[in-house]
Amino acid sequence: MADRAKVVITDFIQEPLDEEQKILGDLAEVTALGAEDEAELVGQIEDADAIMLYHFLSLTKQTIDRLKNCQLIVRCGAGYDNVDHQFARSKGIPVANVPDYGTEEVADSAIGLALTLARGSHFLNSRLRRSEGLWTYAQAGSIKRLRGLTFGIIGFGRIGKAAGLRAKALGMRVAYYDPYVPDGTDKSLGVERQESLNDLLAQSHIVSCHCYLNDETRHIVDADAIARMPEGSFLVNTARGGVVDAEAVVEALGAGHLAGAGIDVLETEPPPDDSPILTAWRDPDHPAHDRLIINPHSAFYSDEGLLDMRIKGSQNCRRVLSGEAPRNVVN
């Protein structure tokens, strides 16, 4: 049909596109490019009526400026730092996200990383697997009871709240720093609001990052911030790689200031083999070998969560192609 629209999925999702076809097949031709770099989009998306973008690449000003017919860009995920949404707005193209697809998954992952670090499970497993030390809990050193520890959250949006409620259920004291959350949120959830990041860091036995990545939050957890955390504390990042200075984490682990870190996201994914964080993580003689957990940006994932992203992203495209207003516009 000559009048069918064109919807392009840039990355991550491959054929067959059963879910997308169920929702869009009568309105549009849906194709998946499987691109891993923005340069691969040249000549492929210029005439698209809608674009669905995941997290393997970016849509910069140069790409968006070539779009002729685009009525919507959907970032199939919560974060949208890989889209120049401000330039898209100047071109009259709405950018939307899928903010609720993986709330439970990321919160569960953050708590899981925090627990395996704080209980010494990862440390002991790593050491015993390579026959390092005695077969005893004692080599883990001091292990604190979770109840009563302070779980500090940077960024108290949907996922931050979900992680906080899980930590609270485990008996931890929950505090957060987020200057954009309305007053009273702490009262309704029975948690504590901190007016400054420094106040939060100084009292948190576990710090968990759940903020968006932008100019304000880039490396919000740097060497200075980590130094303000109590000695022997733990850091978890399931937000965006750029929120945390990974080299500062390696240095703090090496110095013994951090007792452990769980990193699901890095600034470059996959990281180069010679990156400092991978080098330390793979070195049996570096403390990071036993005290650092690295995952490949997997906290968001579950079979159900991926389905949510695909369905909700497709439904938003259908709204626009049918003449309705899109949901969850971020620009």
C-alpha atoms as a PDB file:
ATOM      1  CA  MET A   1       0.000   0.000   0.000  1.00  0.00           C
ATOM      2  CA  ALA A   2       1.473   3.301  -1.108  1.00  0.00           C
ATOM      3  CA  ASP A   3      -0.060   5.257   1.759  1.00  0.00           C
ATOM      4  CA  ARG A   4       1.399   3.091   4.540  1.00  0.00           C
ATOM      5  CA  ALA A   5       3.661   4.888   6.986  1.00  0.00           C
ATOM      6  CA  LYS A   6       7.232   3.862   7.734  1.00  0.00           C
ATOM      7  CA  VAL A   7       8.369   2.990  11.254  1.00  0.00           C
ATOM      8  CA  VAL A   8      12.046   2.235  11.808  1.00  0.00           C
ATOM      9  CA  ILE A   9      13.515   0.445  14.821  1.00  0.00           C
ATOM     10  CA  THR A  10      17.134   1.568  14.847  1.00  0.00           C
ATOM     11  CA  ASP A  11      18.840  -0.913  17.154  1.00  0.00           C
ATOM     12  CA  PHE A  12      18.683  -3.798  19.657  1.00  0.00           C
ATOM     13  CA  ILE A  13      15.448  -5.395  18.416  1.00  0.00           C
ATOM     14  CA  GLN A  14      15.757  -7.824  15.529  1.00  0.00           C
ATOM     15  CA  GLU A  15      13.342  -9.644  13.245  1.00  0.00           C
ATOM     16  CA  PRO A  16      10.809 -11.144  13.618  1.00  0.00           C
ATOM     17  CA  LEU A  17       8.837  -8.115  14.765  1.00  0.00           C
ATOM     18  CA  ASP A  18       5.735  -9.974  15.880  1.00  0.00           C
ATOM     19  CA  GLU A  19       4.730  -7.585  18.663  1.00  0.00           C
ATOM     20  CA  GLU A  20       5.312  -4.467  16.579  1.00  0.00           C
ATOM     21  CA  GLN A  21       3.436  -5.931  13.622  1.00  0.00           C
ATOM     22  CA  LYS A  22       0.410  -6.748  15.780  1.00  0.00           C
ATOM     23  CA  ILE A  23       0.125  -3.095  16.765  1.00  0.00           C
ATOM     24  CA  LEU A  24       1.352  -1.271  13.665  1.00  0.00           C
ATOM     25  CA  GLY A  25       1.057  -3.703  10.769  1.00  0.00           C
ATOM     26  CA  ASP A  26      -2.174  -2.279   9.352  1.00  0.00           C
ATOM     27  CA  LEU A  27      -0.796   1.284   9.424  1.00  0.00           C
ATOM     28  CA  ALA A  28       2.894   1.038   8.706  1.00  0.00           C
ATOM     29  CA  GLU A  29       5.776  -0.896   7.299  1.00  0.00           C
ATOM     30  CA  VAL A  30       7.976  -1.730  10.284  1.00  0.00           C
ATOM     31  CA  THR A  31      11.658  -2.489   9.811  1.00  0.00           C
ATOM     32  CA  ALA A  32      14.506  -3.220  12.225  1.00  0.00           C
ATOM     33  CA  LEU A  33      17.954  -2.016  11.212  1.00  0.00           C
ATOM     34  CA  GLY A  34      19.982  -3.683  13.961  1.00  0.00           C
ATOM     35  CA  ALA A  35      22.438  -0.782  13.866  1.00  0.00           C
ATOM     36  CA  GLU A  36      25.259  -0.535  16.386  1.00  0.00           C
ATOM     37  CA  ASP A  37      26.491   2.904  15.374  1.00  0.00           C
ATOM     38  CA  GLU A  38      24.718   6.092  14.315  1.00  0.00           C
ATOM     39  CA  ALA A  39      26.648   6.152  11.044  1.00  0.00           C
ATOM     40  CA  GLU A  40      24.780   3.012   9.957  1.00  0.00           C
ATOM     41  CA  LEU A  41      21.526   4.990   9.896  1.00  0.00           C
ATOM     42  CA  VAL A  42      22.542   7.139   6.919  1.00  0.00           C
ATOM     43  CA  GLY A  43      20.141   6.533   4.048  1.00  0.00           C
ATOM     44  CA  GLN A  44      17.907   4.313   6.211  1.00  0.00           C
ATOM     45  CA  ILE A  45      15.718   6.603   8.294  1.00  0.00           C
ATOM     46  CA  GLU A  46      15.417   9.943   6.476  1.00  0.00           C
ATOM     47  CA  ASP A  47      11.859   9.201   5.255  1.00  0.00           C
ATOM     48  CA  ALA A  48      10.656   7.496   8.451  1.00  0.00           C
ATOM     49  CA  ASP A  49       7.343   8.655   9.915  1.00  0.00           C
ATOM     50  CA  ALA A  50       8.299   7.357  13.367  1.00  0.00           C
ATOM     51  CA  ILE A  51      11.501   6.037  14.926  1.00  0.00           C
ATOM     52  CA  MET A  52      11.905   3.620  17.821  1.00  0.00           C
ATOM     53  CA  LEU A  53      15.327   3.876  19.463  1.00  0.00           C
ATOM     54  CA  TYR A  54      16.826   1.646  22.139  1.00  0.00           C
ATOM     55  CA  HIS A  55      20.246   2.130  23.771  1.00  0.00           C
ATOM     56  CA  PHE A  56      22.964   0.885  21.412  1.00  0.00           C
ATOM     57  CA  LEU A  57      23.418   4.238  19.672  1.00  0.00           C
ATOM     58  CA  SER A  58      22.511   7.932  19.718  1.00  0.00           C
ATOM     59  CA  LEU A  59      20.414  10.236  17.605  1.00  0.00           C
ATOM     60  CA  THR A  60      22.387  13.473  17.358  1.00  0.00           C
ATOM     61  CA  LYS A  61      21.537  16.780  15.749  1.00  0.00           C
ATOM     62  CA  GLN A  62      23.136  15.696  12.485  1.00  0.00           C
ATOM     63  CA  THR A  63      20.861  12.666  12.161  1.00  0.00           C
ATOM     64  CA  ILE A  64      17.700  14.389  13.358  1.00  0.00           C
ATOM     65  CA  ASP A  65      18.295  17.247  10.918  1.00  0.00           C
ATOM     66  CA  ARG A  66      18.027  14.784   8.013  1.00  0.00           C
ATOM     67  CA  LEU A  67      14.558  13.553   9.015  1.00  0.00           C
ATOM     68  CA  LYS A  68      11.922  14.698   6.518  1.00  0.00           C
ATOM     69  CA  ASN A  69       8.664  13.161   7.727  1.00  0.00           C
ATOM     70  CA  CYS A  70       9.251  12.128  11.324  1.00  0.00           C
ATOM     71  CA  GLN A  71       6.285  12.660  13.623  1.00  0.00           C
ATOM     72  CA  LEU A  72       7.714  10.931  16.709  1.00  0.00           C
ATOM     73  CA  ILE A  73      10.936   9.548  18.144  1.00  0.00           C
ATOM     74  CA  VAL A  74      10.316   6.980  20.873  1.00  0.00           C
ATOM     75  CA  ARG A  75      13.197   6.159  23.195  1.00  0.00           C
ATOM     76  CA  CYS A  76      12.168   2.654  24.217  1.00  0.00           C
ATOM     77  CA  GLY A  77      13.448   2.964  27.749  1.00  0.00           C
ATOM     78  CA  ALA A  78      13.409   5.469  30.590  1.00  0.00           C
ATOM     79  CA  GLY A  79      16.577   7.490  29.959  1.00  0.00           C
ATOM     80  CA  TYR A  80      16.719   9.689  26.869  1.00  0.00           C
ATOM     81  CA  ASP A  81      20.211  11.145  27.087  1.00  0.00           C
ATOM     82  CA  ASN A  82      21.093   9.433  23.793  1.00  0.00           C
ATOM     83  CA  VAL A  83      18.673  11.652  21.862  1.00  0.00           C
ATOM     84  CA  ASP A  84      19.229  15.351  21.160  1.00  0.00           C
ATOM     85  CA  HIS A  85      15.690  16.017  22.298  1.00  0.00           C
ATOM     86  CA  GLN A  86      16.140  19.787  22.432  1.00  0.00           C
ATOM     87  CA  PHE A  87      17.130  19.944  18.773  1.00  0.00           C
ATOM     88  CA  ALA A  88      14.271  17.585  17.921  1.00  0.00           C
ATOM     89  CA  ARG A  89      11.919  20.025  19.601  1.00  0.00           C
ATOM     90  CA  SER A  90      13.268  22.869  17.453  1.00  0.00           C
ATOM     91  CA  LYS A  91      12.420  20.709  14.429  1.00  0.00           C
ATOM     92  CA  GLY A  92       8.903  20.091  15.741  1.00  0.00           C
ATOM     93  CA  ILE A  93       9.536  16.408  16.451  1.00  0.00           C
ATOM     94  CA  PRO A  94       8.276  15.121  19.812  1.00  0.00           C
ATOM     95  CA  VAL A  95      10.531  12.742  21.698  1.00  0.00           C
ATOM     96  CA  ALA A  96       8.855  10.307  24.089  1.00  0.00           C
ATOM     97  CA  ASN A  97      10.183   7.650  26.430  1.00  0.00           C
ATOM     98  CA  VAL A  98       8.780   4.538  28.101  1.00  0.00           C
ATOM     99  CA  PRO A  99       9.228   5.503  31.748  1.00  0.00           C
ATOM    100  CA  ASP A 100       7.490   2.577  33.414  1.00  0.00           C
ATOM    101  CA  TYR A 101       8.787  -0.463  31.564  1.00  0.00           C
ATOM    102  CA  GLY A 102      11.509  -1.662  33.973  1.00  0.00           C
ATOM    103  CA  THR A 103      10.826  -0.055  37.314  1.00  0.00           C
ATOM    104  CA  GLU A 104      10.642  -3.353  39.166  1.00  0.00           C
ATOM    105  CA  GLU A 105      13.558  -4.927  37.315  1.00  0.00           C
ATOM    106  CA  VAL A 106      16.010  -2.086  37.970  1.00  0.00           C
ATOM    107  CA  ALA A 107      14.922  -1.704  41.595  1.00  0.00           C
ATOM    108  CA  ASP A 108      15.293  -5.459  42.142  1.00  0.00           C
ATOM    109  CA  SER A 109      18.735  -5.383  40.515  1.00  0.00           C
ATOM    110  CA  ALA A 110      19.897  -2.477  42.675  1.00  0.00           C
ATOM    111  CA  ILE A 111      18.780  -4.211  45.848  1.00  0.00           C
ATOM    112  CA  GLY A 112      20.286  -7.501  44.673  1.00  0.00           C
ATOM    113  CA  LEU A 113      23.671  -5.880  44.079  1.00  0.00           C
ATOM    114  CA  ALA A 114      23.484  -4.077  47.415  1.00  0.00           C
ATOM    115  CA  LEU A 115      22.653  -7.252  49.306  1.00  0.00           C
ATOM    116  CA  THR A 116      25.340  -9.441  47.772  1.00  0.00           C
ATOM    117  CA  LEU A 117      27.914  -6.745  48.484  1.00  0.00           C
ATOM    118  CA  ALA A 118      26.818  -5.889  52.008  1.00  0.00           C
ATOM    119  CA  ARG A 119      26.422  -9.524  53.066  1.00  0.00           C
ATOM    120  CA  GLY A 120      29.857 -10.420  51.704  1.00  0.00           C
ATOM    121  CA  SER A 121      28.397 -13.032  49.346  1.00  0.00           C
ATOM    122  CA  HIS A 122      30.207 -11.839  46.240  1.00  0.00           C
ATOM    123  CA  PHE A 123      33.509 -11.357  48.050  1.00  0.00           C
ATOM    124  CA  LEU A 124      33.477 -14.824  49.584  1.00  0.00           C
ATOM    125  CA  ASN A 125      32.353 -16.516  46.382  1.00  0.00           C
ATOM    126  CA  SER A 126      35.096 -14.787  44.397  1.00  0.00           C
ATOM    127  CA  ARG A 127      37.806 -15.689  46.886  1.00  0.00           C
ATOM    128  CA  LEU A 128      36.806 -19.286  47.481  1.00  0.00           C
ATOM    129  CA  ARG A 129      36.371 -20.000  43.776  1.00  0.00           C
ATOM    130  CA  ARG A 130      40.053 -19.402  43.221  1.00  0.00           C
ATOM    131  CA  SER A 131      41.084 -21.108  46.492  1.00  0.00           C
ATOM    132  CA  GLU A 132      42.100 -17.847  48.122  1.00  0.00           C
ATOM    133  CA  GLY A 133      42.007 -17.802  51.911  1.00  0.00           C
ATOM    134  CA  LEU A 134      40.418 -20.157  54.426  1.00  0.00           C
ATOM    135  CA  TRP A 135      36.993 -21.742  54.020  1.00  0.00           C
ATOM    136  CA  THR A 136      35.387 -19.455  56.555  1.00  0.00           C
ATOM    137  CA  TYR A 137      33.170 -16.405  56.776  1.00  0.00           C
ATOM    138  CA  ALA A 138      35.918 -14.700  58.772  1.00  0.00           C
ATOM    139  CA  GLN A 139      37.954 -13.735  55.736  1.00  0.00           C
ATOM    140  CA  ALA A 140      35.166 -11.377  54.669  1.00  0.00           C
ATOM    141  CA  GLY A 141      35.997  -9.209  57.663  1.00  0.00           C
ATOM    142  CA  SER A 142      33.275  -7.078  59.204  1.00  0.00           C
ATOM    143  CA  ILE A 143      29.747  -7.819  57.976  1.00  0.00           C
ATOM    144  CA  LYS A 144      27.042  -5.557  59.366  1.00  0.00           C
ATOM    145  CA  ARG A 145      23.419  -6.396  59.997  1.00  0.00           C
ATOM    146  CA  LEU A 146      21.271  -4.825  57.265  1.00  0.00           C
ATOM    147  CA  ARG A 147      18.590  -3.605  59.638  1.00  0.00           C
ATOM    148  CA  GLY A 148      19.498  -0.113  60.710  1.00  0.00           C
ATOM    149  CA  LEU A 149      21.945   0.602  57.888  1.00  0.00           C
ATOM    150  CA  THR A 150      21.241   3.714  55.843  1.00  0.00           C
ATOM    151  CA  PHE A 151      20.340   3.161  52.207  1.00  0.00           C
ATOM    152  CA  GLY A 152      21.000   6.440  50.401  1.00  0.00           C
ATOM    153  CA  ILE A 153      19.349   7.111  47.048  1.00  0.00           C
ATOM    154  CA  ILE A 154      20.458   9.679  44.473  1.00  0.00           C
ATOM    155  CA  GLY A 155      17.424  10.417  42.308  1.00  0.00           C
ATOM    156  CA  PHE A 156      14.018   9.646  43.767  1.00  0.00           C
ATOM    157  CA  GLY A 157      11.888   9.009  40.705  1.00  0.00           C
ATOM    158  CA  ARG A 158       9.885   5.877  40.010  1.00  0.00           C
ATOM    159  CA  ILE A 159      12.845   3.504  40.244  1.00  0.00           C
ATOM    160  CA  GLY A 160      14.431   5.303  43.190  1.00  0.00           C
ATOM    161  CA  LYS A 161      11.167   5.044  45.109  1.00  0.00           C
ATOM    162  CA  ALA A 162      10.784   1.363  44.247  1.00  0.00           C
ATOM    163  CA  ALA A 163      14.328   0.622  45.434  1.00  0.00           C
ATOM    164  CA  GLY A 164      13.722   2.642  48.595  1.00  0.00           C
ATOM    165  CA  LEU A 165      10.581   0.714  49.468  1.00  0.00           C
ATOM    166  CA  ARG A 166      12.447  -2.561  49.019  1.00  0.00           C
ATOM    167  CA  ALA A 167      15.281  -1.363  51.250  1.00  0.00           C
ATOM    168  CA  LYS A 168      12.777  -0.173  53.840  1.00  0.00           C
ATOM    169  CA  ALA A 169      11.105  -3.589  53.845  1.00  0.00           C
ATOM    170  CA  LEU A 170      14.486  -5.079  54.726  1.00  0.00           C
ATOM    171  CA  GLY A 171      14.694  -2.850  57.779  1.00  0.00           C
ATOM    172  CA  MET A 172      17.078  -0.261  56.411  1.00  0.00           C
ATOM    173  CA  ARG A 173      16.764   3.437  57.043  1.00  0.00           C
ATOM    174  CA  VAL A 174      16.088   5.063  53.677  1.00  0.00           C
ATOM    175  CA  ALA A 175      17.204   8.575  52.755  1.00  0.00           C
ATOM    176  CA  TYR A 176      17.350  10.311  49.393  1.00  0.00           C
ATOM    177  CA  TYR A 177      18.644  13.380  47.635  1.00  0.00           C
ATOM    178  CA  ASP A 178      16.596  14.803  44.768  1.00  0.00           C
ATOM    179  CA  PRO A 179      15.969  18.551  44.632  1.00  0.00           C
ATOM    180  CA  TYR A 180      13.210  18.097  42.039  1.00  0.00           C
ATOM    181  CA  VAL A 181      10.928  15.858  44.087  1.00  0.00           C
ATOM    182  CA  PRO A 182       7.977  17.742  45.644  1.00  0.00           C
ATOM    183  CA  ASP A 183       7.983  18.347  49.376  1.00  0.00           C
ATOM    184  CA  GLY A 184       6.059  15.741  51.298  1.00  0.00           C
ATOM    185  CA  THR A 185       7.096  12.767  49.217  1.00  0.00           C
ATOM    186  CA  ASP A 186       9.285  11.625  52.088  1.00  0.00           C
ATOM    187  CA  LYS A 187       6.358  11.843  54.497  1.00  0.00           C
ATOM    188  CA  SER A 188       4.043   9.772  52.327  1.00  0.00           C
ATOM    189  CA  LEU A 189       6.586   6.968  51.944  1.00  0.00           C
ATOM    190  CA  GLY A 190       8.142   7.054  55.409  1.00  0.00           C
ATOM    191  CA  VAL A 191      11.642   7.887  54.222  1.00  0.00           C
ATOM    192  CA  GLU A 192      13.955  10.837  54.840  1.00  0.00           C
ATOM    193  CA  ARG A 193      14.790  13.666  52.493  1.00  0.00           C
ATOM    194  CA  GLN A 194      18.260  15.214  52.529  1.00  0.00           C
ATOM    195  CA  GLU A 195      18.712  18.800  51.399  1.00  0.00           C
ATOM    196  CA  SER A 196      22.210  18.291  50.037  1.00  0.00           C
ATOM    197  CA  LEU A 197      24.085  15.501  48.332  1.00  0.00           C
ATOM    198  CA  ASN A 198      26.909  15.838  50.827  1.00  0.00           C
ATOM    199  CA  ASP A 199      24.514  15.211  53.715  1.00  0.00           C
ATOM    200  CA  LEU A 200      23.233  12.065  52.025  1.00  0.00           C
ATOM    201  CA  LEU A 201      26.685  10.716  51.226  1.00  0.00           C
ATOM    202  CA  ALA A 202      28.069  11.282  54.717  1.00  0.00           C
ATOM    203  CA  GLN A 203      25.467   9.060  56.376  1.00  0.00           C
ATOM    204  CA  SER A 204      24.871   6.323  53.785  1.00  0.00           C
ATOM    205  CA  HIS A 205      26.281   2.841  54.254  1.00  0.00           C
ATOM    206  CA  ILE A 206      24.967   2.001  50.772  1.00  0.00           C
ATOM    207  CA  VAL A 207      24.552   4.599  48.017  1.00  0.00           C
ATOM    208  CA  SER A 208      22.358   3.656  45.061  1.00  0.00           C
ATOM    209  CA  CYS A 209      22.152   5.859  41.950  1.00  0.00           C
ATOM    210  CA  HIS A 210      18.800   6.288  40.195  1.00  0.00           C
ATOM    211  CA  CYS A 211      19.024   9.679  38.481  1.00  0.00           C
ATOM    212  CA  TYR A 212      18.913  10.687  34.832  1.00  0.00           C
ATOM    213  CA  LEU A 213      22.143  11.568  33.099  1.00  0.00           C
ATOM    214  CA  ASN A 214      22.473  15.223  32.131  1.00  0.00           C
ATOM    215  CA  ASP A 215      24.969  18.032  32.582  1.00  0.00           C
ATOM    216  CA  GLU A 216      23.961  18.361  36.227  1.00  0.00           C
ATOM    217  CA  THR A 217      24.387  14.697  37.118  1.00  0.00           C
ATOM    218  CA  ARG A 218      27.392  13.720  34.988  1.00  0.00           C
ATOM    219  CA  HIS A 219      29.989  12.326  37.429  1.00  0.00           C
ATOM    220  CA  ILE A 220      27.820  13.417  40.337  1.00  0.00           C
ATOM    221  CA  VAL A 221      29.561  10.526  42.126  1.00  0.00           C
ATOM    222  CA  ASP A 222      33.221  11.395  41.646  1.00  0.00           C
ATOM    223  CA  ALA A 223      36.309  11.016  43.812  1.00  0.00           C
ATOM    224  CA  ASP A 224      35.234  13.843  46.128  1.00  0.00           C
ATOM    225  CA  ALA A 225      31.748  12.400  46.533  1.00  0.00           C
ATOM    226  CA  ILE A 226      33.061   8.912  47.300  1.00  0.00           C
ATOM    227  CA  ALA A 227      35.468  10.379  49.867  1.00  0.00           C
ATOM    228  CA  ARG A 228      32.438  11.790  51.724  1.00  0.00           C
ATOM    229  CA  MET A 229      30.916   8.323  52.099  1.00  0.00           C
ATOM    230  CA  PRO A 230      31.760   6.419  55.287  1.00  0.00           C
ATOM    231  CA  GLU A 231      34.799   4.175  55.093  1.00  0.00           C
ATOM    232  CA  GLY A 232      33.703   0.635  54.297  1.00  0.00           C
ATOM    233  CA  SER A 233      30.537   1.695  52.479  1.00  0.00           C
ATOM    234  CA  PHE A 234      29.103   0.354  49.208  1.00  0.00           C
ATOM    235  CA  LEU A 235      28.168   1.986  45.907  1.00  0.00           C
ATOM    236  CA  VAL A 236      25.604   0.727  43.391  1.00  0.00           C
ATOM    237  CA  ASN A 237      24.883   2.238  39.978  1.00  0.00           C
ATOM    238  CA  THR A 238      21.997   0.986  37.849  1.00  0.00           C
ATOM    239  CA  ALA A 239      21.222   4.398  36.333  1.00  0.00           C
ATOM    240  CA  ARG A 240      23.598   5.620  33.607  1.00  0.00           C
ATOM    241  CA  GLY A 241      27.324   5.034  33.320  1.00  0.00           C
ATOM    242  CA  GLY A 242      28.136   8.726  33.190  1.00  0.00           C
ATOM    243  CA  VAL A 243      26.606   9.330  36.621  1.00  0.00           C
ATOM    244  CA  VAL A 244      29.622   7.676  38.275  1.00  0.00           C
ATOM    245  CA  ASP A 245      33.326   8.247  37.668  1.00  0.00           C
ATOM    246  CA  ALA A 246      34.409   4.628  37.227  1.00  0.00           C
ATOM    247  CA  GLU A 247      38.099   5.411  37.695  1.00  0.00           C
ATOM    248  CA  ALA A 248      37.299   7.013  41.057  1.00  0.00           C
ATOM    249  CA  VAL A 249      35.514   3.796  42.062  1.00  0.00           C
ATOM    250  CA  VAL A 250      38.604   1.734  41.209  1.00  0.00           C
ATOM    251  CA  GLU A 251      40.814   4.070  43.224  1.00  0.00           C
ATOM    252  CA  ALA A 252      38.464   3.961  46.230  1.00  0.00           C
ATOM    253  CA  LEU A 253      38.355   0.166  46.131  1.00  0.00           C
ATOM    254  CA  GLY A 254      42.131   0.027  45.881  1.00  0.00           C
ATOM    255  CA  ALA A 255      42.505   2.337  48.854  1.00  0.00           C
ATOM    256  CA  GLY A 256      39.961   0.375  50.888  1.00  0.00           C
ATOM    257  CA  HIS A 257      37.596   3.324  51.308  1.00  0.00           C
ATOM    258  CA  LEU A 258      34.836   1.516  49.439  1.00  0.00           C
ATOM    259  CA  ALA A 259      34.187  -2.012  50.625  1.00  0.00           C
ATOM    260  CA  GLY A 260      32.455  -2.885  47.374  1.00  0.00           C
ATOM    261  CA  ALA A 261      30.701  -1.583  44.285  1.00  0.00           C
ATOM    262  CA  GLY A 262      28.050  -2.930  41.940  1.00  0.00           C
ATOM    263  CA  ILE A 263      28.195  -1.331  38.492  1.00  0.00           C
ATOM    264  CA  ASP A 264      25.564  -2.256  35.923  1.00  0.00           C
ATOM    265  CA  VAL A 265      26.299   0.618  33.527  1.00  0.00           C
ATOM    266  CA  LEU A 266      29.483   2.168  32.139  1.00  0.00           C
ATOM    267  CA  GLU A 267      30.093   5.314  30.125  1.00  0.00           C
ATOM    268  CA  THR A 268      31.208   3.281  27.109  1.00  0.00           C
ATOM    269  CA  GLU A 269      29.383   0.032  26.464  1.00  0.00           C
ATOM    270  CA  PRO A 270      30.982  -2.335  25.865  1.00  0.00           C
ATOM    271  CA  PRO A 271      34.082  -0.821  27.503  1.00  0.00           C
ATOM    272  CA  PRO A 272      37.481  -1.163  25.820  1.00  0.00           C
ATOM    273  CA  ASP A 273      39.533  -4.068  27.149  1.00  0.00           C
ATOM    274  CA  ASP A 274      42.209  -1.713  28.451  1.00  0.00           C
ATOM    275  CA  SER A 275      39.826   0.478  30.454  1.00  0.00           C
ATOM    276  CA  PRO A 276      41.013   0.986  34.056  1.00  0.00           C
ATOM    277  CA  ILE A 277      37.877  -0.517  35.567  1.00  0.00           C
ATOM    278  CA  LEU A 278      38.116  -3.742  33.546  1.00  0.00           C
ATOM    279  CA  THR A 279      41.859  -3.983  34.136  1.00  0.00           C
ATOM    280  CA  ALA A 280      41.399  -3.776  37.908  1.00  0.00           C
ATOM    281  CA  TRP A 281      38.333  -6.052  37.921  1.00  0.00           C
ATOM    282  CA  ARG A 282      40.258  -8.797  36.094  1.00  0.00           C
ATOM    283  CA  ASP A 283      43.410  -8.501  38.182  1.00  0.00           C
ATOM    284  CA  PRO A 284      43.449 -11.071  41.033  1.00  0.00           C
ATOM    285  CA  ASP A 285      45.921  -8.871  42.900  1.00  0.00           C
ATOM    286  CA  HIS A 286      43.673  -5.789  42.852  1.00  0.00           C
ATOM    287  CA  PRO A 287      40.984  -5.418  45.546  1.00  0.00           C
ATOM    288  CA  ALA A 288      38.434  -4.742  42.803  1.00  0.00           C
ATOM    289  CA  HIS A 289      38.733  -8.360  41.696  1.00  0.00           C
ATOM    290  CA  ASP A 290      36.817  -9.508  44.759  1.00  0.00           C
ATOM    291  CA  ARG A 291      34.903  -6.367  45.642  1.00  0.00           C
ATOM    292  CA  LEU A 292      33.551  -5.126  42.322  1.00  0.00           C
ATOM    293  CA  ILE A 293      30.571  -6.538  40.440  1.00  0.00           C
ATOM    294  CA  ILE A 294      30.201  -5.486  36.794  1.00  0.00           C
ATOM    295  CA  ASN A 295      27.119  -6.334  34.742  1.00  0.00           C
ATOM    296  CA  PRO A 296      26.573  -5.578  31.026  1.00  0.00           C
ATOM    297  CA  HIS A 297      23.753  -3.023  31.370  1.00  0.00           C
ATOM    298  CA  SER A 298      21.351  -5.791  32.304  1.00  0.00           C
ATOM    299  CA  ALA A 299      19.433  -4.342  35.270  1.00  0.00           C
ATOM    300  CA  PHE A 300      16.577  -3.233  33.032  1.00  0.00           C
ATOM    301  CA  TYR A 301      16.051  -6.631  31.485  1.00  0.00           C
ATOM    302  CA  SER A 302      13.406  -9.250  31.985  1.00  0.00           C
ATOM    303  CA  ASP A 303      11.351 -11.091  29.397  1.00  0.00           C
ATOM    304  CA  GLU A 304       8.304  -9.168  30.577  1.00  0.00           C
ATOM    305  CA  GLY A 305      10.109  -5.824  30.681  1.00  0.00           C
ATOM    306  CA  LEU A 306      11.373  -6.145  27.127  1.00  0.00           C
ATOM    307  CA  LEU A 307       7.861  -6.939  25.987  1.00  0.00           C
ATOM    308  CA  ASP A 308       6.599  -3.815  27.774  1.00  0.00           C
ATOM    309  CA  MET A 309       9.135  -1.659  25.923  1.00  0.00           C
ATOM    310  CA  ARG A 310       8.209  -3.067  22.544  1.00  0.00           C
ATOM    311  CA  ILE A 311       4.462  -2.869  23.085  1.00  0.00           C
ATOM    312  CA  LYS A 312       4.368   0.582  24.684  1.00  0.00           C
ATOM    313  CA  GLY A 313       6.779   2.042  22.155  1.00  0.00           C
ATOM    314  CA  SER A 314       4.686   0.656  19.291  1.00  0.00           C
ATOM    315  CA  GLN A 315       1.452   1.886  20.838  1.00  0.00           C
ATOM    316  CA  ASN A 316       2.846   5.398  21.040  1.00  0.00           C
ATOM    317  CA  CYS A 317       3.815   5.282  17.382  1.00  0.00           C
ATOM    318  CA  ARG A 318       0.298   4.129  16.533  1.00  0.00           C
ATOM    319  CA  ARG A 319      -1.208   7.050  18.430  1.00  0.00           C
ATOM    320  CA  VAL A 320       0.739   9.564  16.376  1.00  0.00           C
ATOM    321  CA  LEU A 321       0.197   7.812  13.055  1.00  0.00           C
ATOM    322  CA  SER A 322      -3.536   7.771  13.859  1.00  0.00           C
ATOM    323  CA  GLY A 323      -3.577  11.505  14.513  1.00  0.00           C
ATOM    324  CA  GLU A 324      -3.583  11.348  18.295  1.00  0.00           C
ATOM    325  CA  ALA A 325      -1.188  13.053  20.707  1.00  0.00           C
ATOM    326  CA  PRO A 326       1.762  10.947  21.920  1.00  0.00           C
ATOM    327  CA  ARG A 327       2.208  10.022  25.578  1.00  0.00           C
ATOM    328  CA  ASN A 328       5.246  10.613  27.815  1.00  0.00           C
ATOM    329  CA  VAL A 329       6.744  13.389  25.689  1.00  0.00           C
ATOM    330  CA  VAL A 330      10.001  14.567  27.273  1.00  0.00           C
ATOM    331  CA  ASN A 331      10.761  17.610  25.082  1.00  0.00           C
END
